[in-house]
Amino acid sequence: MNCEIAFLVNGGRAEHAKFVEQFKIRPPLLIDEDGAVGEAYGVYGVNHNDTKREDYKNYIAPAVYLIDAEGCVSCFWILSGPRGRPSPECLLGILSYAEHNNWKY
């Protein structure tokens, strides 16, 4: 499949360096220091009911976006807290489906 994986995180590069090293994160982290990218994708400052963070206004909600080779979002999930995340198998199935249907989901 012709796709790439990256993680969007808020904060600074220095604070995520330890996280990347500790958990051996291989996909690149896209650092969104001011929240502009998260805001453009509708995930910056989202407060879910199970979010215990006082600073949710500076929080990027977990989300999955499938973006095709032309840069169009073919499908996405904005996740509410730690539950409800699709499994890797589910994501691979959706990627396969999208690829076989010209990225129309």
PDB file of N, CA and C in Angstrom:
ATOM      1  N   MET A   1       0.832  -1.178   0.000  1.00  0.00           N
ATOM      2  CA  MET A   1       0.000   0.000   0.000  1.00  0.00           C
ATOM      3  C   MET A   1       0.876   1.240   0.000  1.00  0.00           C
ATOM      4  N   ASN A   2       0.493   2.200  -0.770  1.00  0.00           N
ATOM      5  CA  ASN A   2       1.266   3.427  -0.882  1.00  0.00           C
ATOM      6  C   ASN A   2       0.764   4.435   0.145  1.00  0.00           C
ATOM      7  N   CYS A   3       1.278   4.343   1.360  1.00  0.00           N
ATOM      8  CA  CYS A   3       0.854   5.272   2.405  1.00  0.00           C
ATOM      9  C   CYS A   3       1.995   5.464   3.391  1.00  0.00           C
ATOM     10  N   GLU A   4       1.891   6.512   4.163  1.00  0.00           N
ATOM     11  CA  GLU A   4       2.864   6.791   5.210  1.00  0.00           C
ATOM     12  C   GLU A   4       2.128   7.013   6.510  1.00  0.00           C
ATOM     13  N   ILE A   5       2.807   6.750   7.607  1.00  0.00           N
ATOM     14  CA  ILE A   5       2.233   6.925   8.936  1.00  0.00           C
ATOM     15  C   ILE A   5       3.032   8.000   9.656  1.00  0.00           C
ATOM     16  N   ALA A   6       2.329   8.884  10.341  1.00  0.00           N
ATOM     17  CA  ALA A   6       2.975   9.903  11.166  1.00  0.00           C
ATOM     18  C   ALA A   6       2.061  10.204  12.340  1.00  0.00           C
ATOM     19  N   PHE A   7       2.628  10.703  13.408  1.00  0.00           N
ATOM     20  CA  PHE A   7       1.860  11.082  14.591  1.00  0.00           C
ATOM     21  C   PHE A   7       1.909  12.593  14.751  1.00  0.00           C
ATOM     22  N   LEU A   8       0.747  13.209  14.970  1.00  0.00           N
ATOM     23  CA  LEU A   8       0.672  14.638  15.259  1.00  0.00           C
ATOM     24  C   LEU A   8       0.623  14.801  16.770  1.00  0.00           C
ATOM     25  N   VAL A   9       1.549  15.567  17.301  1.00  0.00           N
ATOM     26  CA  VAL A   9       1.597  15.796  18.749  1.00  0.00           C
ATOM     27  C   VAL A   9       1.771  17.280  19.008  1.00  0.00           C
ATOM     28  N   ASN A  10       1.232  17.739  20.135  1.00  0.00           N
ATOM     29  CA  ASN A  10       1.456  19.139  20.484  1.00  0.00           C
ATOM     30  C   ASN A  10       2.575  19.228  21.501  1.00  0.00           C
ATOM     31  N   GLY A  11       3.116  20.418  21.660  1.00  0.00           N
ATOM     32  CA  GLY A  11       4.249  20.608  22.552  1.00  0.00           C
ATOM     33  C   GLY A  11       5.512  20.818  21.746  1.00  0.00           C
ATOM     34  N   GLY A  12       6.630  20.719  22.420  1.00  0.00           N
ATOM     35  CA  GLY A  12       7.910  20.959  21.780  1.00  0.00           C
ATOM     36  C   GLY A  12       8.659  19.679  21.472  1.00  0.00           C
ATOM     37  N   ARG A  13       9.609  19.784  20.570  1.00  0.00           N
ATOM     38  CA  ARG A  13      10.408  18.629  20.146  1.00  0.00           C
ATOM     39  C   ARG A  13      11.173  18.007  21.316  1.00  0.00           C
ATOM     40  N   ALA A  14      11.738  18.831  22.192  1.00  0.00           N
ATOM     41  CA  ALA A  14      12.553  18.319  23.297  1.00  0.00           C
ATOM     42  C   ALA A  14      11.742  17.420  24.229  1.00  0.00           C
ATOM     43  N   GLU A  15      10.517  17.814  24.528  1.00  0.00           N
ATOM     44  CA  GLU A  15       9.720  17.008  25.460  1.00  0.00           C
ATOM     45  C   GLU A  15       9.291  15.671  24.864  1.00  0.00           C
ATOM     46  N   HIS A  16       9.283  15.542  23.535  1.00  0.00           N
ATOM     47  CA  HIS A  16       8.883  14.282  22.911  1.00  0.00           C
ATOM     48  C   HIS A  16      10.069  13.384  22.588  1.00  0.00           C
ATOM     49  N   ALA A  17      11.288  13.915  22.625  1.00  0.00           N
ATOM     50  CA  ALA A  17      12.474  13.121  22.295  1.00  0.00           C
ATOM     51  C   ALA A  17      12.609  11.918  23.221  1.00  0.00           C
ATOM     52  N   LYS A  18      12.383  12.109  24.510  1.00  0.00           N
ATOM     53  CA  LYS A  18      12.480  11.014  25.478  1.00  0.00           C
ATOM     54  C   LYS A  18      11.405   9.964  25.210  1.00  0.00           C
ATOM     55  N   PHE A  19      10.187  10.403  24.900  1.00  0.00           N
ATOM     56  CA  PHE A  19       9.078   9.500  24.589  1.00  0.00           C
ATOM     57  C   PHE A  19       9.412   8.631  23.374  1.00  0.00           C
ATOM     58  N   VAL A  20       9.945   9.254  22.326  1.00  0.00           N
ATOM     59  CA  VAL A  20      10.309   8.536  21.106  1.00  0.00           C
ATOM     60  C   VAL A  20      11.373   7.496  21.402  1.00  0.00           C
ATOM     61  N   GLU A  21      12.368   7.886  22.179  1.00  0.00           N
ATOM     62  CA  GLU A  21      13.451   6.962  22.518  1.00  0.00           C
ATOM     63  C   GLU A  21      12.954   5.820  23.405  1.00  0.00           C
ATOM     64  N   GLN A  22      12.178   6.142  24.416  1.00  0.00           N
ATOM     65  CA  GLN A  22      11.696   5.141  25.366  1.00  0.00           C
ATOM     66  C   GLN A  22      10.832   4.080  24.690  1.00  0.00           C
ATOM     67  N   PHE A  23       9.941   4.496  23.799  1.00  0.00           N
ATOM     68  CA  PHE A  23       9.003   3.559  23.191  1.00  0.00           C
ATOM     69  C   PHE A  23       9.396   3.155  21.773  1.00  0.00           C
ATOM     70  N   LYS A  24      10.584   3.566  21.347  1.00  0.00           N
ATOM     71  CA  LYS A  24      11.107   3.194  20.027  1.00  0.00           C
ATOM     72  C   LYS A  24      10.104   3.524  18.917  1.00  0.00           C
ATOM     73  N   ILE A  25       9.566   4.744  18.963  1.00  0.00           N
ATOM     74  CA  ILE A  25       8.597   5.188  17.969  1.00  0.00           C
ATOM     75  C   ILE A  25       9.311   5.351  16.633  1.00  0.00           C
ATOM     76  N   ARG A  26       8.834   4.672  15.613  1.00  0.00           N
ATOM     77  CA  ARG A  26       9.481   4.740  14.312  1.00  0.00           C
ATOM     78  C   ARG A  26       8.841   5.744  13.367  1.00  0.00           C
ATOM     79  N   PRO A  27       7.513   5.829  13.291  1.00  0.00           N
ATOM     80  CA  PRO A  27       6.953   6.859  12.407  1.00  0.00           C
ATOM     81  C   PRO A  27       7.323   8.250  12.913  1.00  0.00           C
ATOM     82  N   PRO A  28       7.430   9.207  12.015  1.00  0.00           N
ATOM     83  CA  PRO A  28       7.806  10.551  12.454  1.00  0.00           C
ATOM     84  C   PRO A  28       6.719  11.204  13.300  1.00  0.00           C
ATOM     85  N   LEU A  29       7.161  12.036  14.229  1.00  0.00           N
ATOM     86  CA  LEU A  29       6.238  12.863  14.997  1.00  0.00           C
ATOM     87  C   LEU A  29       6.150  14.212  14.302  1.00  0.00           C
ATOM     88  N   LEU A  30       4.944  14.647  14.034  1.00  0.00           N
ATOM     89  CA  LEU A  30       4.722  15.969  13.467  1.00  0.00           C
ATOM     90  C   LEU A  30       4.434  16.898  14.633  1.00  0.00           C
ATOM     91  N   ILE A  31       5.395  17.740  14.969  1.00  0.00           N
ATOM     92  CA  ILE A  31       5.286  18.615  16.134  1.00  0.00           C
ATOM     93  C   ILE A  31       4.420  19.825  15.773  1.00  0.00           C
ATOM     94  N   ASP A  32       3.342  20.003  16.519  1.00  0.00           N
ATOM     95  CA  ASP A  32       2.392  21.097  16.289  1.00  0.00           C
ATOM     96  C   ASP A  32       2.422  22.005  17.515  1.00  0.00           C
ATOM     97  N   GLU A  33       3.449  22.844  17.596  1.00  0.00           N
ATOM     98  CA  GLU A  33       3.674  23.645  18.807  1.00  0.00           C
ATOM     99  C   GLU A  33       2.553  24.628  19.100  1.00  0.00           C
ATOM    100  N   ASP A  34       1.968  25.224  18.080  1.00  0.00           N
ATOM    101  CA  ASP A  34       0.931  26.230  18.336  1.00  0.00           C
ATOM    102  C   ASP A  34      -0.492  25.712  18.118  1.00  0.00           C
ATOM    103  N   GLY A  35      -0.642  24.439  17.755  1.00  0.00           N
ATOM    104  CA  GLY A  35      -1.972  23.855  17.582  1.00  0.00           C
ATOM    105  C   GLY A  35      -2.637  24.154  16.252  1.00  0.00           C
ATOM    106  N   ALA A  36      -1.936  24.806  15.325  1.00  0.00           N
ATOM    107  CA  ALA A  36      -2.546  25.201  14.050  1.00  0.00           C
ATOM    108  C   ALA A  36      -2.971  23.998  13.207  1.00  0.00           C
ATOM    109  N   VAL A  37      -2.134  22.968  13.148  1.00  0.00           N
ATOM    110  CA  VAL A  37      -2.474  21.784  12.357  1.00  0.00           C
ATOM    111  C   VAL A  37      -3.627  21.037  13.021  1.00  0.00           C
ATOM    112  N   GLY A  38      -3.545  20.852  14.336  1.00  0.00           N
ATOM    113  CA  GLY A  38      -4.629  20.193  15.065  1.00  0.00           C
ATOM    114  C   GLY A  38      -5.949  20.920  14.910  1.00  0.00           C
ATOM    115  N   GLU A  39      -5.896  22.238  14.926  1.00  0.00           N
ATOM    116  CA  GLU A  39      -7.121  23.028  14.746  1.00  0.00           C
ATOM    117  C   GLU A  39      -7.678  22.846  13.337  1.00  0.00           C
ATOM    118  N   ALA A  40      -6.808  22.821  12.337  1.00  0.00           N
ATOM    119  CA  ALA A  40      -7.249  22.639  10.953  1.00  0.00           C
ATOM    120  C   ALA A  40      -7.929  21.290  10.750  1.00  0.00           C
ATOM    121  N   TYR A  41      -7.492  20.272  11.499  1.00  0.00           N
ATOM    122  CA  TYR A  41      -8.075  18.940  11.383  1.00  0.00           C
ATOM    123  C   TYR A  41      -9.150  18.665  12.429  1.00  0.00           C
ATOM    124  N   GLY A  42      -9.507  19.667  13.213  1.00  0.00           N
ATOM    125  CA  GLY A  42     -10.609  19.521  14.162  1.00  0.00           C
ATOM    126  C   GLY A  42     -10.298  18.728  15.410  1.00  0.00           C
ATOM    127  N   VAL A  43      -9.025  18.655  15.805  1.00  0.00           N
ATOM    128  CA  VAL A  43      -8.666  17.850  16.974  1.00  0.00           C
ATOM    129  C   VAL A  43      -7.959  18.644  18.075  1.00  0.00           C
ATOM    130  N   TYR A  44      -7.799  19.947  17.898  1.00  0.00           N
ATOM    131  CA  TYR A  44      -7.105  20.760  18.899  1.00  0.00           C
ATOM    132  C   TYR A  44      -8.118  21.382  19.848  1.00  0.00           C
ATOM    133  N   GLY A  45      -7.894  21.221  21.144  1.00  0.00           N
ATOM    134  CA  GLY A  45      -8.780  21.803  22.144  1.00  0.00           C
ATOM    135  C   GLY A  45     -10.090  21.064  22.307  1.00  0.00           C
ATOM    136  N   VAL A  46     -10.134  19.800  21.886  1.00  0.00           N
ATOM    137  CA  VAL A  46     -11.347  18.994  22.020  1.00  0.00           C
ATOM    138  C   VAL A  46     -11.409  18.458  23.438  1.00  0.00           C
ATOM    139  N   ASN A  47     -12.521  18.645  24.126  1.00  0.00           N
ATOM    140  CA  ASN A  47     -12.691  18.132  25.486  1.00  0.00           C
ATOM    141  C   ASN A  47     -13.707  17.005  25.458  1.00  0.00           C
ATOM    142  N   HIS A  48     -13.232  15.793  25.638  1.00  0.00           N
ATOM    143  CA  HIS A  48     -14.125  14.644  25.714  1.00  0.00           C
ATOM    144  C   HIS A  48     -14.545  14.442  27.158  1.00  0.00           C
ATOM    145  N   ASN A  49     -15.683  13.825  27.355  1.00  0.00           N
ATOM    146  CA  ASN A  49     -16.202  13.617  28.706  1.00  0.00           C
ATOM    147  C   ASN A  49     -15.223  12.876  29.605  1.00  0.00           C
ATOM    148  N   ASP A  50     -14.454  11.952  29.033  1.00  0.00           N
ATOM    149  CA  ASP A  50     -13.534  11.182  29.872  1.00  0.00           C
ATOM    150  C   ASP A  50     -12.137  11.795  29.919  1.00  0.00           C
ATOM    151  N   THR A  51     -11.979  12.997  29.392  1.00  0.00           N
ATOM    152  CA  THR A  51     -10.695  13.682  29.483  1.00  0.00           C
ATOM    153  C   THR A  51     -10.576  14.305  30.862  1.00  0.00           C
ATOM    154  N   LYS A  52      -9.578  13.903  31.604  1.00  0.00           N
ATOM    155  CA  LYS A  52      -9.378  14.401  32.965  1.00  0.00           C
ATOM    156  C   LYS A  52      -8.434  15.597  32.993  1.00  0.00           C
ATOM    157  N   ARG A  53      -7.945  15.988  31.848  1.00  0.00           N
ATOM    158  CA  ARG A  53      -6.953  17.054  31.785  1.00  0.00           C
ATOM    159  C   ARG A  53      -7.600  18.409  32.014  1.00  0.00           C
ATOM    160  N   GLU A  54      -7.017  19.181  32.909  1.00  0.00           N
ATOM    161  CA  GLU A  54      -7.474  20.552  33.139  1.00  0.00           C
ATOM    162  C   GLU A  54      -7.117  21.437  31.945  1.00  0.00           C
ATOM    163  N   ASP A  55      -6.022  21.081  31.258  1.00  0.00           N
ATOM    164  CA  ASP A  55      -5.526  21.921  30.166  1.00  0.00           C
ATOM    165  C   ASP A  55      -5.989  21.425  28.797  1.00  0.00           C
ATOM    166  N   TYR A  56      -7.222  20.893  28.730  1.00  0.00           N
ATOM    167  CA  TYR A  56      -7.683  20.321  27.469  1.00  0.00           C
ATOM    168  C   TYR A  56      -7.669  21.331  26.325  1.00  0.00           C
ATOM    169  N   LYS A  57      -7.699  22.620  26.628  1.00  0.00           N
ATOM    170  CA  LYS A  57      -7.683  23.622  25.564  1.00  0.00           C
ATOM    171  C   LYS A  57      -6.373  23.577  24.780  1.00  0.00           C
ATOM    172  N   ASN A  58      -5.327  23.017  25.367  1.00  0.00           N
ATOM    173  CA  ASN A  58      -4.036  22.866  24.694  1.00  0.00           C
ATOM    174  C   ASN A  58      -3.783  21.415  24.303  1.00  0.00           C
ATOM    175  N   TYR A  59      -4.829  20.637  24.198  1.00  0.00           N
ATOM    176  CA  TYR A  59      -4.743  19.196  24.009  1.00  0.00           C
ATOM    177  C   TYR A  59      -5.133  18.831  22.581  1.00  0.00           C
ATOM    178  N   ILE A  60      -4.368  17.957  21.945  1.00  0.00           N
ATOM    179  CA  ILE A  60      -4.732  17.411  20.641  1.00  0.00           C
ATOM    180  C   ILE A  60      -5.347  16.039  20.888  1.00  0.00           C
ATOM    181  N   ALA A  61      -6.610  15.882  20.519  1.00  0.00           N
ATOM    182  CA  ALA A  61      -7.310  14.611  20.708  1.00  0.00           C
ATOM    183  C   ALA A  61      -6.708  13.551  19.793  1.00  0.00           C
ATOM    184  N   PRO A  62      -6.647  12.296  20.262  1.00  0.00           N
ATOM    185  CA  PRO A  62      -6.171  11.223  19.394  1.00  0.00           C
ATOM    186  C   PRO A  62      -7.094  11.098  18.179  1.00  0.00           C
ATOM    187  N   ALA A  63      -6.512  10.924  17.020  1.00  0.00           N
ATOM    188  CA  ALA A  63      -7.299  10.793  15.798  1.00  0.00           C
ATOM    189  C   ALA A  63      -6.516   9.991  14.770  1.00  0.00           C
ATOM    190  N   VAL A  64      -7.232   9.398  13.844  1.00  0.00           N
ATOM    191  CA  VAL A  64      -6.632   8.664  12.735  1.00  0.00           C
ATOM    192  C   VAL A  64      -7.198   9.256  11.452  1.00  0.00           C
ATOM    193  N   TYR A  65      -6.326   9.650  10.541  1.00  0.00           N
ATOM    194  CA  TYR A  65      -6.730  10.160   9.235  1.00  0.00           C
ATOM    195  C   TYR A  65      -6.070   9.309   8.165  1.00  0.00           C
ATOM    196  N   LEU A  66      -6.835   8.885   7.167  1.00  0.00           N
ATOM    197  CA  LEU A  66      -6.275   8.220   6.001  1.00  0.00           C
ATOM    198  C   LEU A  66      -6.276   9.247   4.875  1.00  0.00           C
ATOM    199  N   ILE A  67      -5.078   9.605   4.425  1.00  0.00           N
ATOM    200  CA  ILE A  67      -4.907  10.650   3.419  1.00  0.00           C
ATOM    201  C   ILE A  67      -4.317  10.011   2.167  1.00  0.00           C
ATOM    202  N   ASP A  68      -4.984  10.201   1.035  1.00  0.00           N
ATOM    203  CA  ASP A  68      -4.545   9.553  -0.198  1.00  0.00           C
ATOM    204  C   ASP A  68      -3.336  10.259  -0.813  1.00  0.00           C
ATOM    205  N   ALA A  69      -2.859   9.716  -1.926  1.00  0.00           N
ATOM    206  CA  ALA A  69      -1.652  10.234  -2.573  1.00  0.00           C
ATOM    207  C   ALA A  69      -1.814  11.672  -3.063  1.00  0.00           C
ATOM    208  N   GLU A  70      -3.047  12.113  -3.307  1.00  0.00           N
ATOM    209  CA  GLU A  70      -3.299  13.492  -3.742  1.00  0.00           C
ATOM    210  C   GLU A  70      -3.487  14.440  -2.564  1.00  0.00           C
ATOM    211  N   GLY A  71      -3.407  13.926  -1.343  1.00  0.00           N
ATOM    212  CA  GLY A  71      -3.550  14.766  -0.159  1.00  0.00           C
ATOM    213  C   GLY A  71      -4.975  14.931   0.327  1.00  0.00           C
ATOM    214  N   CYS A  72      -5.906  14.137  -0.199  1.00  0.00           N
ATOM    215  CA  CYS A  72      -7.309  14.218   0.225  1.00  0.00           C
ATOM    216  C   CYS A  72      -7.561  13.240   1.373  1.00  0.00           C
ATOM    217  N   VAL A  73      -8.324  13.669   2.368  1.00  0.00           N
ATOM    218  CA  VAL A  73      -8.692  12.792   3.478  1.00  0.00           C
ATOM    219  C   VAL A  73      -9.766  11.837   2.980  1.00  0.00           C
ATOM    220  N   SER A  74      -9.464  10.531   2.997  1.00  0.00           N
ATOM    221  CA  SER A  74     -10.442   9.556   2.521  1.00  0.00           C
ATOM    222  C   SER A  74     -11.361   9.095   3.643  1.00  0.00           C
ATOM    223  N   CYS A  75     -10.874   9.043   4.865  1.00  0.00           N
ATOM    224  CA  CYS A  75     -11.717   8.762   6.023  1.00  0.00           C
ATOM    225  C   CYS A  75     -10.932   9.113   7.281  1.00  0.00           C
ATOM    226  N   PHE A  76     -11.652   9.249   8.392  1.00  0.00           N
ATOM    227  CA  PHE A  76     -10.978   9.600   9.636  1.00  0.00           C
ATOM    228  C   PHE A  76     -11.808   9.199  10.837  1.00  0.00           C
ATOM    229  N   TRP A  77     -11.134   9.095  11.980  1.00  0.00           N
ATOM    230  CA  TRP A  77     -11.762   8.917  13.282  1.00  0.00           C
ATOM    231  C   TRP A  77     -11.164   9.961  14.214  1.00  0.00           C
ATOM    232  N   ILE A  78     -11.991  10.645  14.959  1.00  0.00           N
ATOM    233  CA  ILE A  78     -11.515  11.447  16.082  1.00  0.00           C
ATOM    234  C   ILE A  78     -11.913  10.653  17.307  1.00  0.00           C
ATOM    235  N   LEU A  79     -10.935  10.251  18.070  1.00  0.00           N
ATOM    236  CA  LEU A  79     -11.149   9.289  19.142  1.00  0.00           C
ATOM    237  C   LEU A  79     -11.433   9.981  20.458  1.00  0.00           C
ATOM    238  N   SER A  80     -12.352   9.427  21.199  1.00  0.00           N
ATOM    239  CA  SER A  80     -12.695  10.015  22.496  1.00  0.00           C
ATOM    240  C   SER A  80     -11.982   9.249  23.596  1.00  0.00           C
ATOM    241  N   GLY A  81     -10.870   9.771  24.010  1.00  0.00           N
ATOM    242  CA  GLY A  81     -10.119   9.152  25.088  1.00  0.00           C
ATOM    243  C   GLY A  81      -9.447   7.866  24.660  1.00  0.00           C
ATOM    244  N   PRO A  82      -9.062   7.040  25.625  1.00  0.00           N
ATOM    245  CA  PRO A  82      -8.286   5.845  25.316  1.00  0.00           C
ATOM    246  C   PRO A  82      -9.108   4.703  24.734  1.00  0.00           C
ATOM    247  N   ARG A  83     -10.436   4.809  24.759  1.00  0.00           N
ATOM    248  CA  ARG A  83     -11.270   3.734  24.227  1.00  0.00           C
ATOM    249  C   ARG A  83     -11.725   4.074  22.811  1.00  0.00           C
ATOM    250  N   GLY A  84     -12.082   3.058  22.079  1.00  0.00           N
ATOM    251  CA  GLY A  84     -12.632   3.288  20.755  1.00  0.00           C
ATOM    252  C   GLY A  84     -11.616   3.439  19.645  1.00  0.00           C
ATOM    253  N   ARG A  85     -10.376   3.111  19.913  1.00  0.00           N
ATOM    254  CA  ARG A  85      -9.354   3.218  18.871  1.00  0.00           C
ATOM    255  C   ARG A  85      -9.413   1.986  17.976  1.00  0.00           C
ATOM    256  N   PRO A  86      -9.311   2.190  16.669  1.00  0.00           N
ATOM    257  CA  PRO A  86      -9.335   1.035  15.770  1.00  0.00           C
ATOM    258  C   PRO A  86      -8.062   0.211  15.919  1.00  0.00           C
ATOM    259  N   SER A  87      -8.198  -1.090  15.753  1.00  0.00           N
ATOM    260  CA  SER A  87      -7.037  -1.980  15.829  1.00  0.00           C
ATOM    261  C   SER A  87      -6.198  -1.816  14.561  1.00  0.00           C
ATOM    262  N   PRO A  88      -4.927  -2.235  14.618  1.00  0.00           N
ATOM    263  CA  PRO A  88      -4.109  -2.194  13.400  1.00  0.00           C
ATOM    264  C   PRO A  88      -4.739  -2.993  12.258  1.00  0.00           C
ATOM    265  N   GLU A  89      -5.371  -4.120  12.585  1.00  0.00           N
ATOM    266  CA  GLU A  89      -6.017  -4.938  11.561  1.00  0.00           C
ATOM    267  C   GLU A  89      -7.157  -4.175  10.894  1.00  0.00           C
ATOM    268  N   CYS A  90      -7.918  -3.442  11.698  1.00  0.00           N
ATOM    269  CA  CYS A  90      -9.013  -2.633  11.168  1.00  0.00           C
ATOM    270  C   CYS A  90      -8.476  -1.569  10.219  1.00  0.00           C
ATOM    271  N   LEU A  91      -7.415  -0.884  10.623  1.00  0.00           N
ATOM    272  CA  LEU A  91      -6.824   0.152   9.768  1.00  0.00           C
ATOM    273  C   LEU A  91      -6.299  -0.436   8.462  1.00  0.00           C
ATOM    274  N   LEU A  92      -5.650  -1.598   8.538  1.00  0.00           N
ATOM    275  CA  LEU A  92      -5.149  -2.235   7.319  1.00  0.00           C
ATOM    276  C   LEU A  92      -6.296  -2.627   6.400  1.00  0.00           C
ATOM    277  N   GLY A  93      -7.396  -3.107   6.982  1.00  0.00           N
ATOM    278  CA  GLY A  93      -8.570  -3.454   6.183  1.00  0.00           C
ATOM    279  C   GLY A  93      -9.145  -2.238   5.480  1.00  0.00           C
ATOM    280  N   ILE A  94      -9.221  -1.133   6.180  1.00  0.00           N
ATOM    281  CA  ILE A  94      -9.750   0.091   5.578  1.00  0.00           C
ATOM    282  C   ILE A  94      -8.802   0.621   4.508  1.00  0.00           C
ATOM    283  N   LEU A  95      -7.501   0.558   4.762  1.00  0.00           N
ATOM    284  CA  LEU A  95      -6.527   0.966   3.739  1.00  0.00           C
ATOM    285  C   LEU A  95      -6.680   0.124   2.477  1.00  0.00           C
ATOM    286  N   SER A  96      -6.827  -1.183   2.657  1.00  0.00           N
ATOM    287  CA  SER A  96      -6.990  -2.084   1.519  1.00  0.00           C
ATOM    288  C   SER A  96      -8.267  -1.757   0.751  1.00  0.00           C
ATOM    289  N   TYR A  97      -9.361  -1.567   1.485  1.00  0.00           N
ATOM    290  CA  TYR A  97     -10.634  -1.218   0.860  1.00  0.00           C
ATOM    291  C   TYR A  97     -10.505   0.097   0.092  1.00  0.00           C
ATOM    292  N   ALA A  98      -9.923   1.105   0.743  1.00  0.00           N
ATOM    293  CA  ALA A  98      -9.791   2.421   0.122  1.00  0.00           C
ATOM    294  C   ALA A  98      -8.937   2.348  -1.141  1.00  0.00           C
ATOM    295  N   GLU A  99      -7.846   1.600  -1.060  1.00  0.00           N
ATOM    296  CA  GLU A  99      -6.953   1.484  -2.212  1.00  0.00           C
ATOM    297  C   GLU A  99      -7.661   0.827  -3.396  1.00  0.00           C
ATOM    298  N   HIS A 100      -8.469  -0.194  -3.127  1.00  0.00           N
ATOM    299  CA  HIS A 100      -9.180  -0.901  -4.194  1.00  0.00           C
ATOM    300  C   HIS A 100     -10.392  -0.130  -4.708  1.00  0.00           C
ATOM    301  N   ASN A 101     -10.782   0.920  -4.035  1.00  0.00           N
ATOM    302  CA  ASN A 101     -11.941   1.719  -4.445  1.00  0.00           C
ATOM    303  C   ASN A 101     -11.548   3.166  -4.733  1.00  0.00           C
ATOM    304  N   ASN A 102     -10.337   3.336  -5.254  1.00  0.00           N
ATOM    305  CA  ASN A 102      -9.825   4.663  -5.620  1.00  0.00           C
ATOM    306  C   ASN A 102      -9.901   5.659  -4.477  1.00  0.00           C
ATOM    307  N   TRP A 103      -9.656   5.194  -3.272  1.00  0.00           N
ATOM    308  CA  TRP A 103      -9.608   6.024  -2.070  1.00  0.00           C
ATOM    309  C   TRP A 103     -10.939   6.697  -1.757  1.00  0.00           C
ATOM    310  N   LYS A 104     -12.024   6.095  -2.186  1.00  0.00           N
ATOM    311  CA  LYS A 104     -13.353   6.594  -1.826  1.00  0.00           C
ATOM    312  C   LYS A 104     -13.912   5.665  -0.763  1.00  0.00           C
ATOM    313  N   TYR A 105     -14.202   6.202   0.393  1.00  0.00           N
ATOM    314  CA  TYR A 105     -14.682   5.380   1.510  1.00  0.00           C
ATOM    315  C   TYR A 105     -16.104   5.743   1.827  1.00  0.00           C
TER     316      TYR A 105
END
